[in-house]
Amino acid sequence: MIAAAPVSVPAPPRRPPNLVVKTLGVTFAMVFVLLVVVFVVVSMSIREQVRQTVSANLESSQRLFGVLEGRRQREL
Protein backbone atom coordinates (compact mmCIF):
# COMPACT_ATOMS: atom_id res chain seq x y z
CA MET A 1 0.00 0.00 0.00
CA ILE A 2 1.24 3.50 -0.86
CA ALA A 3 1.43 5.94 2.01
CA ALA A 4 -0.04 9.36 1.40
CA ALA A 5 2.35 12.27 1.58
CA PRO A 6 1.88 14.37 4.70
CA VAL A 7 -0.12 17.49 3.99
CA SER A 8 1.40 20.60 5.44
CA VAL A 9 -1.01 23.26 6.52
CA PRO A 10 0.33 26.76 5.89
CA ALA A 11 0.83 28.73 9.07
CA PRO A 12 -1.30 31.84 9.43
CA PRO A 13 0.59 34.99 8.50
CA ARG A 14 2.33 36.52 11.50
CA ARG A 15 1.46 40.05 12.47
CA PRO A 16 4.14 42.26 13.99
CA PRO A 17 3.72 42.92 17.71
CA ASN A 18 1.50 45.87 18.55
CA LEU A 19 4.28 47.63 20.44
CA VAL A 20 6.49 47.63 17.34
CA VAL A 21 3.70 49.02 15.18
CA LYS A 22 2.89 51.75 17.71
CA THR A 23 6.55 52.63 18.16
CA LEU A 24 7.11 52.93 14.42
CA GLY A 25 3.97 55.03 14.05
CA VAL A 26 5.01 57.42 16.80
CA THR A 27 8.55 57.61 15.40
CA PHE A 28 7.34 58.49 11.92
CA ALA A 29 4.91 61.05 13.32
CA MET A 30 7.63 62.71 15.39
CA VAL A 31 10.02 62.82 12.43
CA PHE A 32 7.27 64.40 10.33
CA VAL A 33 6.50 67.01 13.01
CA LEU A 34 10.20 67.77 13.42
CA LEU A 35 10.65 68.24 9.67
CA VAL A 36 7.64 70.55 9.52
CA VAL A 37 9.00 72.66 12.40
CA VAL A 38 12.43 72.88 10.77
CA PHE A 39 10.85 73.86 7.44
CA VAL A 40 8.79 76.61 9.09
CA VAL A 41 11.78 78.01 11.00
CA VAL A 42 14.01 77.96 7.92
CA SER A 43 11.37 79.60 5.72
CA MET A 44 10.79 82.35 8.31
CA SER A 45 14.53 82.93 8.61
CA ILE A 46 14.97 83.12 4.84
CA ARG A 47 11.98 85.46 4.54
CA GLU A 48 13.51 87.84 7.10
CA GLN A 49 16.90 87.69 5.41
CA VAL A 50 15.36 88.49 2.01
CA ARG A 51 13.39 91.36 3.55
CA GLN A 52 16.58 92.84 5.05
CA THR A 53 18.48 92.45 1.76
CA VAL A 54 15.74 94.13 -0.24
CA SER A 55 15.55 96.94 2.30
CA ALA A 56 19.33 97.47 2.16
CA ASN A 57 19.24 97.52 -1.65
CA LEU A 58 16.43 100.08 -1.65
CA GLU A 59 18.26 102.30 0.83
CA SER A 60 21.44 102.09 -1.26
CA SER A 61 19.52 102.93 -4.44
CA GLN A 62 17.80 105.82 -2.70
CA ARG A 63 21.15 107.27 -1.53
CA LEU A 64 22.58 106.92 -5.04
CA PHE A 65 19.51 108.59 -6.52
CA GLY A 66 19.85 111.42 -3.98
CA VAL A 67 23.49 112.00 -4.95
CA LEU A 68 22.64 112.02 -8.64
CA GLU A 69 19.70 114.35 -8.07
CA GLY A 70 21.95 116.70 -6.07
CA ARG A 71 24.47 116.80 -8.93
CA ARG A 72 21.69 117.50 -11.42
CA GLN A 73 20.37 120.35 -9.25
CA ARG A 74 23.86 121.93 -9.01
CA GLU A 75 24.34 121.68 -12.78
CA LEU A 76 21.16 123.63 -13.46
PDB file of N, CA and C in Angstrom:
ATOM      1  N   MET A   1       0.818  -1.164   0.000  1.00  0.00           N
ATOM      2  CA  MET A   1       0.000   0.000   0.000  1.00  0.00           C
ATOM      3  C   MET A   1       0.876   1.246   0.000  1.00  0.00           C
ATOM      4  N   ILE A   2       0.466   2.262  -0.739  1.00  0.00           N
ATOM      5  CA  ILE A   2       1.237   3.498  -0.862  1.00  0.00           C
ATOM      6  C   ILE A   2       0.768   4.466   0.224  1.00  0.00           C
ATOM      7  N   ALA A   3       1.748   4.988   0.936  1.00  0.00           N
ATOM      8  CA  ALA A   3       1.426   5.939   2.009  1.00  0.00           C
ATOM      9  C   ALA A   3       1.224   7.326   1.409  1.00  0.00           C
ATOM     10  N   ALA A   4       0.234   8.002   1.881  1.00  0.00           N
ATOM     11  CA  ALA A   4      -0.044   9.361   1.400  1.00  0.00           C
ATOM     12  C   ALA A   4       0.998  10.313   1.967  1.00  0.00           C
ATOM     13  N   ALA A   5       1.371  11.266   1.137  1.00  0.00           N
ATOM     14  CA  ALA A   5       2.350  12.274   1.581  1.00  0.00           C
ATOM     15  C   ALA A   5       1.704  13.149   2.644  1.00  0.00           C
ATOM     16  N   PRO A   6       2.465  13.505   3.660  1.00  0.00           N
ATOM     17  CA  PRO A   6       1.881  14.367   4.697  1.00  0.00           C
ATOM     18  C   PRO A   6       1.522  15.734   4.118  1.00  0.00           C
ATOM     19  N   VAL A   7       0.366  16.188   4.466  1.00  0.00           N
ATOM     20  CA  VAL A   7      -0.121  17.488   3.989  1.00  0.00           C
ATOM     21  C   VAL A   7       0.287  18.547   5.003  1.00  0.00           C
ATOM     22  N   SER A   8       1.000  19.535   4.510  1.00  0.00           N
ATOM     23  CA  SER A   8       1.404  20.596   5.436  1.00  0.00           C
ATOM     24  C   SER A   8       0.406  21.742   5.333  1.00  0.00           C
ATOM     25  N   VAL A   9      -0.055  22.156   6.455  1.00  0.00           N
ATOM     26  CA  VAL A   9      -1.009  23.259   6.522  1.00  0.00           C
ATOM     27  C   VAL A   9      -0.209  24.550   6.670  1.00  0.00           C
ATOM     28  N   PRO A  10      -0.443  25.514   5.770  1.00  0.00           N
ATOM     29  CA  PRO A  10       0.328  26.759   5.887  1.00  0.00           C
ATOM     30  C   PRO A  10      -0.014  27.470   7.197  1.00  0.00           C
ATOM     31  N   ALA A  11       1.016  28.008   7.800  1.00  0.00           N
ATOM     32  CA  ALA A  11       0.827  28.728   9.067  1.00  0.00           C
ATOM     33  C   ALA A  11       0.161  30.070   8.772  1.00  0.00           C
ATOM     34  N   PRO A  12      -0.675  30.528   9.661  1.00  0.00           N
ATOM     35  CA  PRO A  12      -1.297  31.837   9.429  1.00  0.00           C
ATOM     36  C   PRO A  12      -0.213  32.914   9.408  1.00  0.00           C
ATOM     37  N   PRO A  13      -0.430  33.934   8.593  1.00  0.00           N
ATOM     38  CA  PRO A  13       0.593  34.990   8.502  1.00  0.00           C
ATOM     39  C   PRO A  13       0.775  35.666   9.861  1.00  0.00           C
ATOM     40  N   ARG A  14       2.030  35.899  10.206  1.00  0.00           N
ATOM     41  CA  ARG A  14       2.334  36.515  11.501  1.00  0.00           C
ATOM     42  C   ARG A  14       2.183  38.023  11.403  1.00  0.00           C
ATOM     43  N   ARG A  15       1.582  38.593  12.381  1.00  0.00           N
ATOM     44  CA  ARG A  15       1.461  40.053  12.471  1.00  0.00           C
ATOM     45  C   ARG A  15       2.558  40.555  13.388  1.00  0.00           C
ATOM     46  N   PRO A  16       3.122  41.727  13.091  1.00  0.00           N
ATOM     47  CA  PRO A  16       4.136  42.259  13.994  1.00  0.00           C
ATOM     48  C   PRO A  16       3.502  42.609  15.341  1.00  0.00           C
ATOM     49  N   PRO A  17       4.264  42.581  16.389  1.00  0.00           N
ATOM     50  CA  PRO A  17       3.719  42.921  17.714  1.00  0.00           C
ATOM     51  C   PRO A  17       3.186  44.350  17.729  1.00  0.00           C
ATOM     52  N   ASN A  18       2.134  44.549  18.497  1.00  0.00           N
ATOM     53  CA  ASN A  18       1.497  45.866  18.549  1.00  0.00           C
ATOM     54  C   ASN A  18       2.461  46.952  19.016  1.00  0.00           C
ATOM     55  N   LEU A  19       3.344  46.633  19.938  1.00  0.00           N
ATOM     56  CA  LEU A  19       4.284  47.632  20.444  1.00  0.00           C
ATOM     57  C   LEU A  19       5.196  48.131  19.332  1.00  0.00           C
ATOM     58  N   VAL A  20       5.624  47.240  18.454  1.00  0.00           N
ATOM     59  CA  VAL A  20       6.493  47.634  17.343  1.00  0.00           C
ATOM     60  C   VAL A  20       5.737  48.549  16.396  1.00  0.00           C
ATOM     61  N   VAL A  21       4.510  48.200  16.095  1.00  0.00           N
ATOM     62  CA  VAL A  21       3.700  49.022  15.184  1.00  0.00           C
ATOM     63  C   VAL A  21       3.477  50.404  15.784  1.00  0.00           C
ATOM     64  N   LYS A  22       3.122  50.457  17.053  1.00  0.00           N
ATOM     65  CA  LYS A  22       2.885  51.751  17.708  1.00  0.00           C
ATOM     66  C   LYS A  22       4.166  52.569  17.770  1.00  0.00           C
ATOM     67  N   THR A  23       5.272  51.928  18.079  1.00  0.00           N
ATOM     68  CA  THR A  23       6.552  52.635  18.165  1.00  0.00           C
ATOM     69  C   THR A  23       6.939  53.217  16.811  1.00  0.00           C
ATOM     70  N   LEU A  24       6.795  52.429  15.759  1.00  0.00           N
ATOM     71  CA  LEU A  24       7.112  52.934  14.421  1.00  0.00           C
ATOM     72  C   LEU A  24       6.184  54.083  14.034  1.00  0.00           C
ATOM     73  N   GLY A  25       4.913  53.966  14.360  1.00  0.00           N
ATOM     74  CA  GLY A  25       3.968  55.033  14.047  1.00  0.00           C
ATOM     75  C   GLY A  25       4.322  56.320  14.760  1.00  0.00           C
ATOM     76  N   VAL A  26       4.629  56.227  16.033  1.00  0.00           N
ATOM     77  CA  VAL A  26       5.007  57.425  16.796  1.00  0.00           C
ATOM     78  C   VAL A  26       6.319  57.995  16.276  1.00  0.00           C
ATOM     79  N   THR A  27       7.264  57.130  15.930  1.00  0.00           N
ATOM     80  CA  THR A  27       8.552  57.606  15.404  1.00  0.00           C
ATOM     81  C   THR A  27       8.359  58.363  14.104  1.00  0.00           C
ATOM     82  N   PHE A  28       7.589  57.805  13.177  1.00  0.00           N
ATOM     83  CA  PHE A  28       7.345  58.487  11.915  1.00  0.00           C
ATOM     84  C   PHE A  28       6.604  59.798  12.132  1.00  0.00           C
ATOM     85  N   ALA A  29       5.650  59.821  13.038  1.00  0.00           N
ATOM     86  CA  ALA A  29       4.912  61.048  13.323  1.00  0.00           C
ATOM     87  C   ALA A  29       5.842  62.118  13.894  1.00  0.00           C
ATOM     88  N   MET A  30       6.716  61.744  14.797  1.00  0.00           N
ATOM     89  CA  MET A  30       7.632  62.712  15.394  1.00  0.00           C
ATOM     90  C   MET A  30       8.628  63.239  14.363  1.00  0.00           C
ATOM     91  N   VAL A  31       9.109  62.371  13.493  1.00  0.00           N
ATOM     92  CA  VAL A  31      10.018  62.823  12.432  1.00  0.00           C
ATOM     93  C   VAL A  31       9.291  63.796  11.514  1.00  0.00           C
ATOM     94  N   PHE A  32       8.051  63.498  11.175  1.00  0.00           N
ATOM     95  CA  PHE A  32       7.266  64.397  10.327  1.00  0.00           C
ATOM     96  C   PHE A  32       7.078  65.752  10.999  1.00  0.00           C
ATOM     97  N   VAL A  33       6.703  65.753  12.277  1.00  0.00           N
ATOM     98  CA  VAL A  33       6.503  67.007  13.006  1.00  0.00           C
ATOM     99  C   VAL A  33       7.807  67.793  13.080  1.00  0.00           C
ATOM    100  N   LEU A  34       8.907  67.112  13.343  1.00  0.00           N
ATOM    101  CA  LEU A  34      10.202  67.774  13.424  1.00  0.00           C
ATOM    102  C   LEU A  34      10.582  68.400  12.084  1.00  0.00           C
ATOM    103  N   LEU A  35      10.357  67.692  10.998  1.00  0.00           N
ATOM    104  CA  LEU A  35      10.651  68.241   9.674  1.00  0.00           C
ATOM    105  C   LEU A  35       9.779  69.448   9.358  1.00  0.00           C
ATOM    106  N   VAL A  36       8.519  69.413   9.747  1.00  0.00           N
ATOM    107  CA  VAL A  36       7.636  70.553   9.524  1.00  0.00           C
ATOM    108  C   VAL A  36       8.120  71.765  10.313  1.00  0.00           C
ATOM    109  N   VAL A  37       8.509  71.555  11.571  1.00  0.00           N
ATOM    110  CA  VAL A  37       9.001  72.660  12.401  1.00  0.00           C
ATOM    111  C   VAL A  37      10.273  73.247  11.798  1.00  0.00           C
ATOM    112  N   VAL A  38      11.190  72.395  11.375  1.00  0.00           N
ATOM    113  CA  VAL A  38      12.433  72.880  10.767  1.00  0.00           C
ATOM    114  C   VAL A  38      12.120  73.652   9.499  1.00  0.00           C
ATOM    115  N   PHE A  39      11.218  73.161   8.672  1.00  0.00           N
ATOM    116  CA  PHE A  39      10.852  73.858   7.439  1.00  0.00           C
ATOM    117  C   PHE A  39      10.272  75.237   7.744  1.00  0.00           C
ATOM    118  N   VAL A  40       9.400  75.326   8.737  1.00  0.00           N
ATOM    119  CA  VAL A  40       8.787  76.608   9.091  1.00  0.00           C
ATOM    120  C   VAL A  40       9.848  77.586   9.592  1.00  0.00           C
ATOM    121  N   VAL A  41      10.743  77.127  10.459  1.00  0.00           N
ATOM    122  CA  VAL A  41      11.782  78.011  11.001  1.00  0.00           C
ATOM    123  C   VAL A  41      12.713  78.487   9.887  1.00  0.00           C
ATOM    124  N   VAL A  42      13.114  77.584   9.015  1.00  0.00           N
ATOM    125  CA  VAL A  42      14.012  77.964   7.921  1.00  0.00           C
ATOM    126  C   VAL A  42      13.321  78.934   6.974  1.00  0.00           C
ATOM    127  N   SER A  43      12.067  78.696   6.644  1.00  0.00           N
ATOM    128  CA  SER A  43      11.374  79.600   5.724  1.00  0.00           C
ATOM    129  C   SER A  43      11.181  80.978   6.345  1.00  0.00           C
ATOM    130  N   MET A  44      10.919  81.044   7.660  1.00  0.00           N
ATOM    131  CA  MET A  44      10.789  82.350   8.310  1.00  0.00           C
ATOM    132  C   MET A  44      12.139  83.070   8.336  1.00  0.00           C
ATOM    133  N   SER A  45      13.200  82.340   8.587  1.00  0.00           N
ATOM    134  CA  SER A  45      14.531  82.932   8.606  1.00  0.00           C
ATOM    135  C   SER A  45      14.906  83.469   7.226  1.00  0.00           C
ATOM    136  N   ILE A  46      14.644  82.688   6.205  1.00  0.00           N
ATOM    137  CA  ILE A  46      14.970  83.119   4.841  1.00  0.00           C
ATOM    138  C   ILE A  46      14.124  84.331   4.460  1.00  0.00           C
ATOM    139  N   ARG A  47      12.853  84.323   4.849  1.00  0.00           N
ATOM    140  CA  ARG A  47      11.980  85.457   4.539  1.00  0.00           C
ATOM    141  C   ARG A  47      12.521  86.743   5.162  1.00  0.00           C
ATOM    142  N   GLU A  48      12.958  86.665   6.419  1.00  0.00           N
ATOM    143  CA  GLU A  48      13.508  87.844   7.100  1.00  0.00           C
ATOM    144  C   GLU A  48      14.811  88.295   6.449  1.00  0.00           C
ATOM    145  N   GLN A  49      15.641  87.345   6.060  1.00  0.00           N
ATOM    146  CA  GLN A  49      16.900  87.690   5.406  1.00  0.00           C
ATOM    147  C   GLN A  49      16.647  88.367   4.056  1.00  0.00           C
ATOM    148  N   VAL A  50      15.697  87.867   3.296  1.00  0.00           N
ATOM    149  CA  VAL A  50      15.360  88.488   2.011  1.00  0.00           C
ATOM    150  C   VAL A  50      14.806  89.887   2.231  1.00  0.00           C
ATOM    151  N   ARG A  51      13.964  90.041   3.245  1.00  0.00           N
ATOM    152  CA  ARG A  51      13.393  91.357   3.547  1.00  0.00           C
ATOM    153  C   ARG A  51      14.500  92.354   3.878  1.00  0.00           C
ATOM    154  N   GLN A  52      15.480  91.953   4.686  1.00  0.00           N
ATOM    155  CA  GLN A  52      16.580  92.839   5.046  1.00  0.00           C
ATOM    156  C   GLN A  52      17.436  93.178   3.828  1.00  0.00           C
ATOM    157  N   THR A  53      17.682  92.206   2.960  1.00  0.00           N
ATOM    158  CA  THR A  53      18.481  92.448   1.764  1.00  0.00           C
ATOM    159  C   THR A  53      17.784  93.419   0.823  1.00  0.00           C
ATOM    160  N   VAL A  54      16.496  93.231   0.630  1.00  0.00           N
ATOM    161  CA  VAL A  54      15.736  94.132  -0.241  1.00  0.00           C
ATOM    162  C   VAL A  54      15.727  95.536   0.350  1.00  0.00           C
ATOM    163  N   SER A  55      15.545  95.638   1.644  1.00  0.00           N
ATOM    164  CA  SER A  55      15.547  96.943   2.299  1.00  0.00           C
ATOM    165  C   SER A  55      16.900  97.633   2.140  1.00  0.00           C
ATOM    166  N   ALA A  56      17.992  96.886   2.318  1.00  0.00           N
ATOM    167  CA  ALA A  56      19.329  97.465   2.156  1.00  0.00           C
ATOM    168  C   ALA A  56      19.554  97.918   0.716  1.00  0.00           C
ATOM    169  N   ASN A  57      19.092  97.133  -0.243  1.00  0.00           N
ATOM    170  CA  ASN A  57      19.243  97.524  -1.648  1.00  0.00           C
ATOM    171  C   ASN A  57      18.441  98.780  -1.954  1.00  0.00           C
ATOM    172  N   LEU A  58      17.241  98.876  -1.412  1.00  0.00           N
ATOM    173  CA  LEU A  58      16.431 100.075  -1.653  1.00  0.00           C
ATOM    174  C   LEU A  58      17.069 101.309  -1.023  1.00  0.00           C
ATOM    175  N   GLU A  59      17.599 101.168   0.187  1.00  0.00           N
ATOM    176  CA  GLU A  59      18.264 102.303   0.827  1.00  0.00           C
ATOM    177  C   GLU A  59      19.484 102.739   0.027  1.00  0.00           C
ATOM    178  N   SER A  60      20.259 101.782  -0.458  1.00  0.00           N
ATOM    179  CA  SER A  60      21.437 102.094  -1.260  1.00  0.00           C
ATOM    180  C   SER A  60      21.029 102.805  -2.551  1.00  0.00           C
ATOM    181  N   SER A  61      20.001 102.306  -3.198  1.00  0.00           N
ATOM    182  CA  SER A  61      19.524 102.933  -4.437  1.00  0.00           C
ATOM    183  C   SER A  61      19.001 104.333  -4.162  1.00  0.00           C
ATOM    184  N   GLN A  62      18.337 104.510  -3.037  1.00  0.00           N
ATOM    185  CA  GLN A  62      17.803 105.817  -2.696  1.00  0.00           C
ATOM    186  C   GLN A  62      18.943 106.813  -2.439  1.00  0.00           C
ATOM    187  N   ARG A  63      19.993 106.388  -1.749  1.00  0.00           N
ATOM    188  CA  ARG A  63      21.147 107.273  -1.531  1.00  0.00           C
ATOM    189  C   ARG A  63      21.800 107.654  -2.855  1.00  0.00           C
ATOM    190  N   LEU A  64      21.980 106.661  -3.743  1.00  0.00           N
ATOM    191  CA  LEU A  64      22.580 106.919  -5.045  1.00  0.00           C
ATOM    192  C   LEU A  64      21.724 107.896  -5.848  1.00  0.00           C
ATOM    193  N   PHE A  65      20.416 107.694  -5.819  1.00  0.00           N
ATOM    194  CA  PHE A  65      19.512 108.592  -6.524  1.00  0.00           C
ATOM    195  C   PHE A  65      19.604 110.007  -5.941  1.00  0.00           C
ATOM    196  N   GLY A  66      19.714 110.108  -4.618  1.00  0.00           N
ATOM    197  CA  GLY A  66      19.848 111.420  -3.977  1.00  0.00           C
ATOM    198  C   GLY A  66      21.123 112.124  -4.404  1.00  0.00           C
ATOM    199  N   VAL A  67      22.224 111.397  -4.500  1.00  0.00           N
ATOM    200  CA  VAL A  67      23.488 111.999  -4.946  1.00  0.00           C
ATOM    201  C   VAL A  67      23.367 112.467  -6.382  1.00  0.00           C
ATOM    202  N   LEU A  68      22.805 111.636  -7.243  1.00  0.00           N
ATOM    203  CA  LEU A  68      22.644 112.015  -8.644  1.00  0.00           C
ATOM    204  C   LEU A  68      21.706 113.213  -8.792  1.00  0.00           C
ATOM    205  N   GLU A  69      20.652 113.231  -8.008  1.00  0.00           N
ATOM    206  CA  GLU A  69      19.703 114.346  -8.074  1.00  0.00           C
ATOM    207  C   GLU A  69      20.379 115.643  -7.581  1.00  0.00           C
ATOM    208  N   GLY A  70      21.206 115.527  -6.556  1.00  0.00           N
ATOM    209  CA  GLY A  70      21.946 116.702  -6.073  1.00  0.00           C
ATOM    210  C   GLY A  70      22.899 117.248  -7.136  1.00  0.00           C
ATOM    211  N   ARG A  71      23.586 116.363  -7.834  1.00  0.00           N
ATOM    212  CA  ARG A  71      24.469 116.800  -8.934  1.00  0.00           C
ATOM    213  C   ARG A  71      23.667 117.483 -10.033  1.00  0.00           C
ATOM    214  N   ARG A  72      22.526 116.898 -10.356  1.00  0.00           N
ATOM    215  CA  ARG A  72      21.694 117.498 -11.415  1.00  0.00           C
ATOM    216  C   ARG A  72      21.210 118.867 -11.003  1.00  0.00           C
ATOM    217  N   GLN A  73      20.850 119.057  -9.739  1.00  0.00           N
ATOM    218  CA  GLN A  73      20.374 120.349  -9.247  1.00  0.00           C
ATOM    219  C   GLN A  73      21.493 121.384  -9.321  1.00  0.00           C
ATOM    220  N   ARG A  74      22.723 120.974  -8.974  1.00  0.00           N
ATOM    221  CA  ARG A  74      23.859 121.935  -9.011  1.00  0.00           C
ATOM    222  C   ARG A  74      24.189 122.318 -10.440  1.00  0.00           C
ATOM    223  N   GLU A  75      24.016 121.394 -11.386  1.00  0.00           N
ATOM    224  CA  GLU A  75      24.336 121.685 -12.781  1.00  0.00           C
ATOM    225  C   GLU A  75      23.353 122.670 -13.401  1.00  0.00           C
ATOM    226  N   LEU A  76      22.147 122.705 -12.879  1.00  0.00           N
ATOM    227  CA  LEU A  76      21.155 123.625 -13.462  1.00  0.00           C
ATOM    228  C   LEU A  76      21.399 124.956 -12.921  1.00  0.00           C
TER     229      LEU A  76
END
